[in-house]
């Protein structure tokens, strides 16, 4: 299944690029629907480096969702910069998802703001159609929060 968002964020592309690689922003746009703690020895980094990062998630800060990895790659296609996460759920309800590819892309909108595109492709076997509304709603929340926070990223 696939979820696609396209927004114009009220910040410069460089600011959006820094934001989508920042664990604090990741946590801010997810909260309060989901909360995450780092399972890495040093905790969350200031900026995500490429590679695998281990997290534990909770729904609404209390219901355990399980352990997961975020596996990040940074890509560039012309003037478009992208972050791709191909991590996986390792335990709990997160492990029901068997395929995950989340790509965020930023580019100049032409007026100094940011064209932001966000695509999630996922599969969870026979229950995929049941999970789609949950992920769709969560992605709408992320879009709302990103639009709210973007002016502060200057």
C-alpha atoms as a PDB file:
ATOM      1  CA  UNK A   1       0.000   0.000   0.000  1.00  0.00           C
ATOM      2  CA  UNK A   2       1.061   3.559  -0.550  1.00  0.00           C
ATOM      3  CA  UNK A   3       0.463   6.937   1.086  1.00  0.00           C
ATOM      4  CA  UNK A   4       1.673  10.110  -0.625  1.00  0.00           C
ATOM      5  CA  UNK A   5       1.748  13.683   0.683  1.00  0.00           C
ATOM      6  CA  UNK A   6       2.778  16.863  -1.120  1.00  0.00           C
ATOM      7  CA  UNK A   7       3.061  20.087   0.881  1.00  0.00           C
ATOM      8  CA  UNK A   8       4.601  23.506   0.562  1.00  0.00           C
ATOM      9  CA  UNK A   9       6.362  24.253   3.845  1.00  0.00           C
ATOM     10  CA  UNK A  10       6.944  27.803   5.017  1.00  0.00           C
ATOM     11  CA  UNK A  11      10.717  27.535   5.320  1.00  0.00           C
ATOM     12  CA  UNK A  12      13.733  27.444   3.044  1.00  0.00           C
ATOM     13  CA  UNK A  13      14.729  24.048   1.591  1.00  0.00           C
ATOM     14  CA  UNK A  14      18.001  23.988   3.578  1.00  0.00           C
ATOM     15  CA  UNK A  15      16.028  24.391   6.816  1.00  0.00           C
ATOM     16  CA  UNK A  16      13.612  21.600   5.824  1.00  0.00           C
ATOM     17  CA  UNK A  17      16.544  19.373   4.882  1.00  0.00           C
ATOM     18  CA  UNK A  18      18.106  19.870   8.309  1.00  0.00           C
ATOM     19  CA  UNK A  19      14.733  19.257   9.970  1.00  0.00           C
ATOM     20  CA  UNK A  20      13.947  15.924   8.304  1.00  0.00           C
ATOM     21  CA  UNK A  21      17.347  14.621   9.418  1.00  0.00           C
ATOM     22  CA  UNK A  22      16.807  15.749  13.018  1.00  0.00           C
ATOM     23  CA  UNK A  23      15.578  13.213  15.619  1.00  0.00           C
ATOM     24  CA  UNK A  24      13.943  16.019  17.632  1.00  0.00           C
ATOM     25  CA  UNK A  25      11.783  16.911  14.629  1.00  0.00           C
ATOM     26  CA  UNK A  26      10.993  13.220  14.032  1.00  0.00           C
ATOM     27  CA  UNK A  27       9.745  12.989  17.604  1.00  0.00           C
ATOM     28  CA  UNK A  28       7.888  16.316  17.449  1.00  0.00           C
ATOM     29  CA  UNK A  29       5.896  15.466  14.310  1.00  0.00           C
ATOM     30  CA  UNK A  30       5.024  12.014  15.699  1.00  0.00           C
ATOM     31  CA  UNK A  31       3.918  13.133  19.155  1.00  0.00           C
ATOM     32  CA  UNK A  32       1.544  12.658  20.891  1.00  0.00           C
ATOM     33  CA  UNK A  33       0.214   9.842  18.675  1.00  0.00           C
ATOM     34  CA  UNK A  34       3.501   7.977  18.934  1.00  0.00           C
ATOM     35  CA  UNK A  35       6.544   8.464  21.100  1.00  0.00           C
ATOM     36  CA  UNK A  36       9.967   6.986  20.530  1.00  0.00           C
ATOM     37  CA  UNK A  37      13.043   6.396  22.655  1.00  0.00           C
ATOM     38  CA  UNK A  38      16.437   5.544  21.266  1.00  0.00           C
ATOM     39  CA  UNK A  39      17.870   2.144  22.086  1.00  0.00           C
ATOM     40  CA  UNK A  40      21.345   3.278  21.024  1.00  0.00           C
ATOM     41  CA  UNK A  41      24.019   3.529  23.776  1.00  0.00           C
ATOM     42  CA  UNK A  42      24.444   7.292  23.187  1.00  0.00           C
ATOM     43  CA  UNK A  43      20.727   7.977  22.659  1.00  0.00           C
ATOM     44  CA  UNK A  44      19.464  10.075  19.781  1.00  0.00           C
ATOM     45  CA  UNK A  45      22.134  11.888  17.767  1.00  0.00           C
ATOM     46  CA  UNK A  46      21.871  15.613  16.970  1.00  0.00           C
ATOM     47  CA  UNK A  47      21.439  14.701  13.292  1.00  0.00           C
ATOM     48  CA  UNK A  48      20.655  11.271  11.910  1.00  0.00           C
ATOM     49  CA  UNK A  49      23.657   9.760  10.140  1.00  0.00           C
ATOM     50  CA  UNK A  50      23.097   7.238   7.373  1.00  0.00           C
ATOM     51  CA  UNK A  51      22.661   3.700   8.589  1.00  0.00           C
ATOM     52  CA  UNK A  52      20.636   1.702  11.086  1.00  0.00           C
ATOM     53  CA  UNK A  53      19.204   3.186  14.294  1.00  0.00           C
ATOM     54  CA  UNK A  54      17.306   1.203  16.962  1.00  0.00           C
ATOM     55  CA  UNK A  55      14.178   2.641  18.615  1.00  0.00           C
ATOM     56  CA  UNK A  56      11.291   1.629  20.827  1.00  0.00           C
ATOM     57  CA  UNK A  57       7.860   3.078  20.101  1.00  0.00           C
ATOM     58  CA  UNK A  58       4.724   3.609  22.129  1.00  0.00           C
ATOM     59  CA  UNK A  59       1.271   4.666  21.000  1.00  0.00           C
ATOM     60  CA  UNK A  60       0.091   7.730  22.927  1.00  0.00           C
ATOM     61  CA  UNK A  61       3.180   7.400  25.108  1.00  0.00           C
ATOM     62  CA  UNK A  62       1.843   4.344  26.957  1.00  0.00           C
ATOM     63  CA  UNK A  63       0.911   1.420  24.682  1.00  0.00           C
ATOM     64  CA  UNK A  64       4.026  -0.523  23.617  1.00  0.00           C
ATOM     65  CA  UNK A  65       4.298  -0.790  19.822  1.00  0.00           C
ATOM     66  CA  UNK A  66       7.633  -2.561  19.888  1.00  0.00           C
ATOM     67  CA  UNK A  67      11.195  -2.236  18.783  1.00  0.00           C
ATOM     68  CA  UNK A  68      12.095  -1.068  15.309  1.00  0.00           C
ATOM     69  CA  UNK A  69      15.009  -0.017  13.190  1.00  0.00           C
ATOM     70  CA  UNK A  70      15.239   3.075  11.063  1.00  0.00           C
ATOM     71  CA  UNK A  71      17.649   2.412   8.184  1.00  0.00           C
ATOM     72  CA  UNK A  72      18.492   5.737   6.566  1.00  0.00           C
ATOM     73  CA  UNK A  73      20.022   6.604   3.213  1.00  0.00           C
ATOM     74  CA  UNK A  74      20.468  10.134   1.881  1.00  0.00           C
ATOM     75  CA  UNK A  75      19.935  10.617  -1.836  1.00  0.00           C
ATOM     76  CA  UNK A  76      20.050  13.439  -4.316  1.00  0.00           C
ATOM     77  CA  UNK A  77      18.375  13.679  -7.716  1.00  0.00           C
ATOM     78  CA  UNK A  78      19.291  17.001  -9.281  1.00  0.00           C
ATOM     79  CA  UNK A  79      18.153  19.668  -6.823  1.00  0.00           C
ATOM     80  CA  UNK A  80      15.906  17.283  -4.894  1.00  0.00           C
ATOM     81  CA  UNK A  81      17.323  15.924  -1.627  1.00  0.00           C
ATOM     82  CA  UNK A  82      15.792  12.791  -0.103  1.00  0.00           C
ATOM     83  CA  UNK A  83      15.898  10.712   3.035  1.00  0.00           C
ATOM     84  CA  UNK A  84      14.882   7.087   2.572  1.00  0.00           C
ATOM     85  CA  UNK A  85      14.091   4.824   5.510  1.00  0.00           C
ATOM     86  CA  UNK A  86      13.920   1.109   4.806  1.00  0.00           C
ATOM     87  CA  UNK A  87      13.902  -0.013   8.422  1.00  0.00           C
ATOM     88  CA  UNK A  88      11.748  -2.697   9.968  1.00  0.00           C
ATOM     89  CA  UNK A  89       9.689  -3.597  13.004  1.00  0.00           C
ATOM     90  CA  UNK A  90      11.480  -6.099  15.220  1.00  0.00           C
ATOM     91  CA  UNK A  91       8.892  -6.824  17.920  1.00  0.00           C
ATOM     92  CA  UNK A  92       5.327  -6.141  18.972  1.00  0.00           C
ATOM     93  CA  UNK A  93       2.740  -4.735  16.559  1.00  0.00           C
ATOM     94  CA  UNK A  94       5.513  -3.012  14.570  1.00  0.00           C
ATOM     95  CA  UNK A  95       6.764  -6.456  13.498  1.00  0.00           C
ATOM     96  CA  UNK A  96       3.481  -7.056  11.644  1.00  0.00           C
ATOM     97  CA  UNK A  97       4.761  -4.771   8.890  1.00  0.00           C
ATOM     98  CA  UNK A  98       6.872  -6.933   6.576  1.00  0.00           C
ATOM     99  CA  UNK A  99       7.989  -4.263   4.080  1.00  0.00           C
ATOM    100  CA  UNK A 100       8.636  -0.569   4.739  1.00  0.00           C
ATOM    101  CA  UNK A 101       9.982   2.208   2.553  1.00  0.00           C
ATOM    102  CA  UNK A 102       9.496   5.800   3.673  1.00  0.00           C
ATOM    103  CA  UNK A 103      10.917   8.557   1.472  1.00  0.00           C
ATOM    104  CA  UNK A 104      10.918  12.283   2.277  1.00  0.00           C
ATOM    105  CA  UNK A 105      12.012  14.740  -0.403  1.00  0.00           C
ATOM    106  CA  UNK A 106      12.688  18.478  -0.262  1.00  0.00           C
ATOM    107  CA  UNK A 107      13.138  20.939  -3.103  1.00  0.00           C
ATOM    108  CA  UNK A 108      12.752  24.675  -3.674  1.00  0.00           C
ATOM    109  CA  UNK A 109       9.106  25.532  -4.392  1.00  0.00           C
ATOM    110  CA  UNK A 110      10.198  28.432  -6.619  1.00  0.00           C
ATOM    111  CA  UNK A 111       9.362  31.133  -4.084  1.00  0.00           C
ATOM    112  CA  UNK A 112      11.949  30.357  -1.384  1.00  0.00           C
ATOM    113  CA  UNK A 113       9.704  27.930   0.439  1.00  0.00           C
ATOM    114  CA  UNK A 114      10.009  24.146   0.391  1.00  0.00           C
ATOM    115  CA  UNK A 115       8.194  21.636  -1.752  1.00  0.00           C
ATOM    116  CA  UNK A 116       7.996  18.624   0.553  1.00  0.00           C
ATOM    117  CA  UNK A 117       6.963  15.195  -0.652  1.00  0.00           C
ATOM    118  CA  UNK A 118       6.466  12.269   1.662  1.00  0.00           C
ATOM    119  CA  UNK A 119       5.784   8.741   0.457  1.00  0.00           C
ATOM    120  CA  UNK A 120       5.232   5.590   2.458  1.00  0.00           C
ATOM    121  CA  UNK A 121       5.091   2.151   0.867  1.00  0.00           C
ATOM    122  CA  UNK A 122       4.370  -0.694   3.244  1.00  0.00           C
ATOM    123  CA  UNK A 123       3.038  -4.214   3.402  1.00  0.00           C
ATOM    124  CA  UNK A 124       1.775  -6.375   6.218  1.00  0.00           C
ATOM    125  CA  UNK A 125       0.409  -9.321   4.288  1.00  0.00           C
ATOM    126  CA  UNK A 126      -3.310  -9.957   4.622  1.00  0.00           C
ATOM    127  CA  UNK A 127      -3.770  -7.191   7.218  1.00  0.00           C
ATOM    128  CA  UNK A 128      -2.300  -4.457   4.995  1.00  0.00           C
ATOM    129  CA  UNK A 129      -5.752  -3.012   4.152  1.00  0.00           C
ATOM    130  CA  UNK A 130      -6.571  -2.851   7.864  1.00  0.00           C
ATOM    131  CA  UNK A 131      -3.376  -0.927   8.636  1.00  0.00           C
ATOM    132  CA  UNK A 132      -3.715   1.517   5.737  1.00  0.00           C
ATOM    133  CA  UNK A 133      -6.256   3.817   7.507  1.00  0.00           C
ATOM    134  CA  UNK A 134      -4.071   3.895  10.618  1.00  0.00           C
ATOM    135  CA  UNK A 135      -0.957   4.886   8.662  1.00  0.00           C
ATOM    136  CA  UNK A 136      -2.965   7.328   6.515  1.00  0.00           C
ATOM    137  CA  UNK A 137      -4.294   9.097   9.622  1.00  0.00           C
ATOM    138  CA  UNK A 138      -0.826   9.186  11.161  1.00  0.00           C
ATOM    139  CA  UNK A 139       0.637  10.655   7.946  1.00  0.00           C
ATOM    140  CA  UNK A 140      -2.024  13.384   7.968  1.00  0.00           C
ATOM    141  CA  UNK A 141      -0.994  14.221  11.524  1.00  0.00           C
ATOM    142  CA  UNK A 142       2.669  14.361  10.465  1.00  0.00           C
ATOM    143  CA  UNK A 143       1.767  16.722   7.612  1.00  0.00           C
ATOM    144  CA  UNK A 144      -0.184  18.975   9.960  1.00  0.00           C
ATOM    145  CA  UNK A 145       2.667  19.093  12.485  1.00  0.00           C
ATOM    146  CA  UNK A 146       5.302  19.701   9.797  1.00  0.00           C
ATOM    147  CA  UNK A 147       3.269  22.615   8.444  1.00  0.00           C
ATOM    148  CA  UNK A 148       2.972  24.010  11.970  1.00  0.00           C
ATOM    149  CA  UNK A 149       6.655  23.624  12.804  1.00  0.00           C
ATOM    150  CA  UNK A 150       8.237  24.590   9.469  1.00  0.00           C
ATOM    151  CA  UNK A 151       8.256  28.366  10.155  1.00  0.00           C
ATOM    152  CA  UNK A 152      10.361  27.694  13.275  1.00  0.00           C
ATOM    153  CA  UNK A 153      13.039  25.885  11.252  1.00  0.00           C
ATOM    154  CA  UNK A 154      14.518  29.095   9.820  1.00  0.00           C
END
